[in-house]
N, C-alpha and C. Protein backbone atom coordinates (compact mmCIF):
# COMPACT_ATOMS: atom_id res chain seq x y z
N MET A 1 49.16 18.89 -34.45
CA MET A 1 49.57 19.77 -33.36
C MET A 1 48.38 20.53 -32.78
N GLN A 2 47.47 21.00 -33.66
CA GLN A 2 46.30 21.72 -33.18
C GLN A 2 45.39 20.81 -32.39
N GLU A 3 45.32 19.54 -32.77
CA GLU A 3 44.48 18.61 -32.02
C GLU A 3 44.97 18.47 -30.59
N LYS A 4 46.28 18.36 -30.41
CA LYS A 4 46.83 18.27 -29.05
C LYS A 4 46.50 19.53 -28.27
N ALA A 5 46.64 20.68 -28.89
CA ALA A 5 46.32 21.95 -28.21
C ALA A 5 44.84 21.99 -27.82
N LEU A 6 43.98 21.48 -28.69
CA LEU A 6 42.55 21.46 -28.39
C LEU A 6 42.26 20.59 -27.18
N PHE A 7 42.79 19.39 -27.16
CA PHE A 7 42.54 18.48 -26.04
C PHE A 7 43.18 19.00 -24.75
N ASP A 8 44.34 19.65 -24.87
CA ASP A 8 44.96 20.27 -23.68
C ASP A 8 44.06 21.38 -23.13
N ALA A 9 43.51 22.19 -24.03
CA ALA A 9 42.63 23.29 -23.60
C ALA A 9 41.36 22.74 -22.94
N ILE A 10 40.84 21.65 -23.47
CA ILE A 10 39.66 21.03 -22.86
C ILE A 10 40.02 20.51 -21.47
N ARG A 11 41.14 19.82 -21.36
CA ARG A 11 41.57 19.27 -20.07
C ARG A 11 41.74 20.39 -19.04
N ASP A 12 42.23 21.55 -19.51
CA ASP A 12 42.45 22.70 -18.62
C ASP A 12 41.20 23.54 -18.41
N SER A 13 40.09 23.15 -19.04
CA SER A 13 38.83 23.90 -18.97
C SER A 13 39.01 25.34 -19.42
N ASP A 14 39.80 25.52 -20.48
CA ASP A 14 40.09 26.85 -21.03
C ASP A 14 39.14 27.11 -22.20
N ALA A 15 37.94 27.57 -21.89
CA ALA A 15 36.91 27.78 -22.91
C ALA A 15 37.36 28.77 -23.97
N ALA A 16 38.07 29.81 -23.58
CA ALA A 16 38.53 30.81 -24.55
C ALA A 16 39.49 30.18 -25.56
N ALA A 17 40.40 29.34 -25.09
CA ALA A 17 41.34 28.68 -25.99
C ALA A 17 40.63 27.69 -26.90
N VAL A 18 39.68 26.94 -26.35
CA VAL A 18 38.90 26.00 -27.16
C VAL A 18 38.18 26.76 -28.27
N ALA A 19 37.51 27.84 -27.92
CA ALA A 19 36.78 28.64 -28.91
C ALA A 19 37.72 29.20 -29.96
N ARG A 20 38.84 29.71 -29.53
CA ARG A 20 39.83 30.28 -30.46
C ARG A 20 40.34 29.22 -31.45
N LEU A 21 40.66 28.04 -30.94
CA LEU A 21 41.14 26.96 -31.79
C LEU A 21 40.08 26.51 -32.79
N LEU A 22 38.84 26.38 -32.33
CA LEU A 22 37.75 25.96 -33.22
C LEU A 22 37.47 27.01 -34.28
N ASP A 23 37.54 28.27 -33.90
CA ASP A 23 37.30 29.33 -34.87
C ASP A 23 38.40 29.40 -35.91
N ALA A 24 39.64 29.12 -35.49
CA ALA A 24 40.77 29.16 -36.41
C ALA A 24 40.79 27.95 -37.35
N ASP A 25 40.28 26.82 -36.86
CA ASP A 25 40.33 25.58 -37.66
C ASP A 25 39.07 24.76 -37.41
N PRO A 26 38.00 25.03 -38.16
CA PRO A 26 36.74 24.29 -37.98
C PRO A 26 36.87 22.77 -38.15
N ALA A 27 37.92 22.32 -38.83
CA ALA A 27 38.13 20.88 -38.99
C ALA A 27 38.34 20.19 -37.64
N LEU A 28 38.70 20.96 -36.62
CA LEU A 28 38.90 20.38 -35.29
C LEU A 28 37.61 19.84 -34.69
N LEU A 29 36.47 20.20 -35.26
CA LEU A 29 35.20 19.62 -34.80
C LEU A 29 35.23 18.10 -34.93
N GLY A 30 35.98 17.61 -35.88
CA GLY A 30 36.09 16.17 -36.11
C GLY A 30 37.33 15.54 -35.51
N ALA A 31 38.02 16.24 -34.64
CA ALA A 31 39.26 15.73 -34.04
C ALA A 31 38.98 14.50 -33.19
N ARG A 32 39.99 13.68 -33.06
CA ARG A 32 39.92 12.49 -32.20
C ARG A 32 41.25 12.33 -31.48
N GLN A 33 41.17 11.86 -30.25
CA GLN A 33 42.36 11.49 -29.50
C GLN A 33 42.10 10.11 -28.93
N ASN A 34 42.84 9.14 -29.41
CA ASN A 34 42.64 7.75 -29.00
C ASN A 34 41.19 7.32 -29.21
N GLY A 35 40.58 7.78 -30.30
CA GLY A 35 39.21 7.41 -30.64
C GLY A 35 38.15 8.21 -29.90
N ILE A 36 38.56 9.13 -29.05
CA ILE A 36 37.62 9.91 -28.25
C ILE A 36 37.40 11.27 -28.90
N THR A 37 36.14 11.65 -29.05
CA THR A 37 35.81 12.95 -29.60
C THR A 37 36.08 14.03 -28.55
N PRO A 38 36.29 15.26 -28.98
CA PRO A 38 36.48 16.34 -28.00
C PRO A 38 35.29 16.50 -27.06
N ILE A 39 34.09 16.26 -27.56
CA ILE A 39 32.90 16.38 -26.72
C ILE A 39 32.91 15.32 -25.62
N LEU A 40 33.22 14.08 -25.98
CA LEU A 40 33.32 13.04 -24.95
C LEU A 40 34.47 13.32 -24.00
N PHE A 41 35.58 13.80 -24.53
CA PHE A 41 36.75 14.13 -23.71
C PHE A 41 36.38 15.19 -22.67
N ALA A 42 35.62 16.18 -23.10
CA ALA A 42 35.17 17.22 -22.18
C ALA A 42 34.30 16.62 -21.08
N ALA A 43 33.38 15.76 -21.45
CA ALA A 43 32.51 15.11 -20.46
C ALA A 43 33.33 14.24 -19.51
N TYR A 44 34.25 13.45 -20.06
CA TYR A 44 35.07 12.55 -19.25
C TYR A 44 35.96 13.31 -18.27
N ASN A 45 36.34 14.55 -18.64
CA ASN A 45 37.24 15.34 -17.80
C ASN A 45 36.50 16.33 -16.91
N GLY A 46 35.19 16.17 -16.81
CA GLY A 46 34.43 17.00 -15.90
C GLY A 46 34.12 18.40 -16.40
N HIS A 47 34.18 18.58 -17.73
CA HIS A 47 33.91 19.90 -18.32
C HIS A 47 32.84 19.81 -19.41
N PRO A 48 31.68 19.22 -19.09
CA PRO A 48 30.66 19.04 -20.12
C PRO A 48 30.14 20.35 -20.71
N GLU A 49 30.28 21.44 -19.99
CA GLU A 49 29.83 22.74 -20.51
C GLU A 49 30.59 23.16 -21.77
N LEU A 50 31.80 22.62 -21.96
CA LEU A 50 32.58 22.95 -23.15
C LEU A 50 31.97 22.37 -24.42
N ALA A 51 31.12 21.37 -24.28
CA ALA A 51 30.46 20.78 -25.44
C ALA A 51 29.68 21.82 -26.22
N GLN A 52 29.13 22.80 -25.54
CA GLN A 52 28.33 23.83 -26.21
C GLN A 52 29.15 24.60 -27.23
N LEU A 53 30.45 24.76 -26.98
CA LEU A 53 31.31 25.45 -27.94
C LEU A 53 31.35 24.71 -29.28
N PHE A 54 31.29 23.40 -29.22
CA PHE A 54 31.29 22.58 -30.43
C PHE A 54 29.93 22.63 -31.11
N LEU A 55 28.89 22.56 -30.31
CA LEU A 55 27.53 22.61 -30.87
C LEU A 55 27.26 23.95 -31.52
N ASP A 56 27.75 25.02 -30.91
CA ASP A 56 27.57 26.36 -31.49
C ASP A 56 28.24 26.50 -32.84
N ARG A 57 29.22 25.65 -33.11
CA ARG A 57 29.96 25.72 -34.36
C ARG A 57 29.56 24.62 -35.34
N GLY A 58 28.45 23.95 -35.06
CA GLY A 58 27.89 23.02 -36.03
C GLY A 58 28.07 21.54 -35.74
N ALA A 59 28.71 21.19 -34.64
CA ALA A 59 28.85 19.76 -34.32
C ALA A 59 27.48 19.17 -34.00
N MET A 60 27.29 17.95 -34.40
CA MET A 60 26.07 17.21 -34.09
C MET A 60 26.44 16.11 -33.10
N LEU A 61 25.68 15.99 -32.05
CA LEU A 61 25.97 14.97 -31.05
C LEU A 61 25.67 13.58 -31.57
N THR A 62 26.56 12.66 -31.25
CA THR A 62 26.29 11.24 -31.48
C THR A 62 25.44 10.74 -30.32
N PHE A 63 24.94 9.54 -30.44
CA PHE A 63 24.16 8.95 -29.37
C PHE A 63 24.99 8.85 -28.08
N GLY A 64 26.23 8.39 -28.21
CA GLY A 64 27.10 8.26 -27.04
C GLY A 64 27.37 9.60 -26.38
N GLU A 65 27.56 10.63 -27.19
CA GLU A 65 27.80 11.96 -26.64
C GLU A 65 26.56 12.50 -25.93
N ALA A 66 25.41 12.30 -26.53
CA ALA A 66 24.16 12.75 -25.91
C ALA A 66 23.99 12.07 -24.55
N CYS A 67 24.28 10.79 -24.48
CA CYS A 67 24.17 10.07 -23.21
C CYS A 67 25.18 10.59 -22.20
N ALA A 68 26.43 10.77 -22.62
CA ALA A 68 27.48 11.22 -21.71
C ALA A 68 27.20 12.62 -21.17
N LEU A 69 26.52 13.43 -21.95
CA LEU A 69 26.20 14.80 -21.53
C LEU A 69 24.88 14.89 -20.78
N GLY A 70 24.19 13.76 -20.64
CA GLY A 70 22.92 13.77 -19.93
C GLY A 70 21.78 14.39 -20.72
N ARG A 71 21.91 14.41 -22.03
CA ARG A 71 20.86 14.97 -22.90
C ARG A 71 19.84 13.87 -23.17
N THR A 72 19.07 13.54 -22.15
CA THR A 72 18.17 12.39 -22.22
C THR A 72 17.07 12.55 -23.26
N GLU A 73 16.57 13.75 -23.44
CA GLU A 73 15.51 13.94 -24.44
C GLU A 73 16.05 13.67 -25.84
N LEU A 74 17.24 14.18 -26.13
CA LEU A 74 17.84 13.94 -27.43
C LEU A 74 18.16 12.46 -27.61
N ALA A 75 18.71 11.83 -26.58
CA ALA A 75 19.02 10.39 -26.66
C ALA A 75 17.75 9.59 -26.92
N ALA A 76 16.66 9.94 -26.26
CA ALA A 76 15.39 9.24 -26.48
C ALA A 76 14.89 9.43 -27.91
N GLN A 77 15.03 10.63 -28.44
CA GLN A 77 14.63 10.88 -29.83
C GLN A 77 15.47 10.05 -30.78
N MET A 78 16.76 9.95 -30.50
CA MET A 78 17.64 9.15 -31.35
C MET A 78 17.25 7.68 -31.29
N LEU A 79 16.90 7.21 -30.10
CA LEU A 79 16.47 5.81 -29.95
C LEU A 79 15.15 5.55 -30.66
N ASP A 80 14.24 6.51 -30.61
CA ASP A 80 12.97 6.36 -31.31
C ASP A 80 13.22 6.22 -32.81
N ALA A 81 14.17 7.00 -33.33
CA ALA A 81 14.48 6.97 -34.76
C ALA A 81 15.28 5.73 -35.14
N ASN A 82 16.07 5.20 -34.20
CA ASN A 82 16.93 4.06 -34.49
C ASN A 82 17.13 3.23 -33.22
N PRO A 83 16.22 2.30 -32.93
CA PRO A 83 16.32 1.50 -31.71
C PRO A 83 17.61 0.69 -31.59
N ALA A 84 18.28 0.42 -32.69
CA ALA A 84 19.53 -0.35 -32.66
C ALA A 84 20.63 0.40 -31.92
N LEU A 85 20.47 1.70 -31.74
CA LEU A 85 21.47 2.47 -30.99
C LEU A 85 21.62 1.97 -29.56
N LEU A 86 20.58 1.36 -29.03
CA LEU A 86 20.62 0.85 -27.66
C LEU A 86 21.75 -0.16 -27.48
N ASP A 87 22.07 -0.88 -28.53
CA ASP A 87 23.12 -1.89 -28.45
C ASP A 87 24.42 -1.42 -29.09
N SER A 88 24.55 -0.12 -29.34
CA SER A 88 25.74 0.40 -30.01
C SER A 88 26.76 0.87 -28.98
N TYR A 89 27.98 1.08 -29.46
CA TYR A 89 29.08 1.57 -28.65
C TYR A 89 29.64 2.83 -29.28
N SER A 90 30.17 3.72 -28.46
CA SER A 90 30.88 4.86 -29.00
C SER A 90 32.22 4.36 -29.55
N ASP A 91 32.92 5.20 -30.29
CA ASP A 91 34.17 4.78 -30.90
C ASP A 91 35.22 4.33 -29.87
N ASP A 92 35.12 4.85 -28.66
CA ASP A 92 36.08 4.46 -27.63
C ASP A 92 35.59 3.29 -26.77
N GLY A 93 34.46 2.73 -27.19
CA GLY A 93 33.97 1.53 -26.53
C GLY A 93 32.93 1.78 -25.51
């Protein structure tokens, strides 16, 4: 139920609700909806600024998330450390 509330808050760009939900249940950092992480969901729904709420609470960006958020420096560092990421897919494809 909390996962649905989290994704609804992201879709609505309700940063206060997202923060409140994450603070109440840190396990939501690992939430998924149809294989999509909340960070990717935020990017896909035009609210990439909400990703910072997850990062502030300890989330680490995946390669796909870094790319979706336009974090090119981080994506390049990840590729330097693991060139195979270039041929990888995020969990949602």
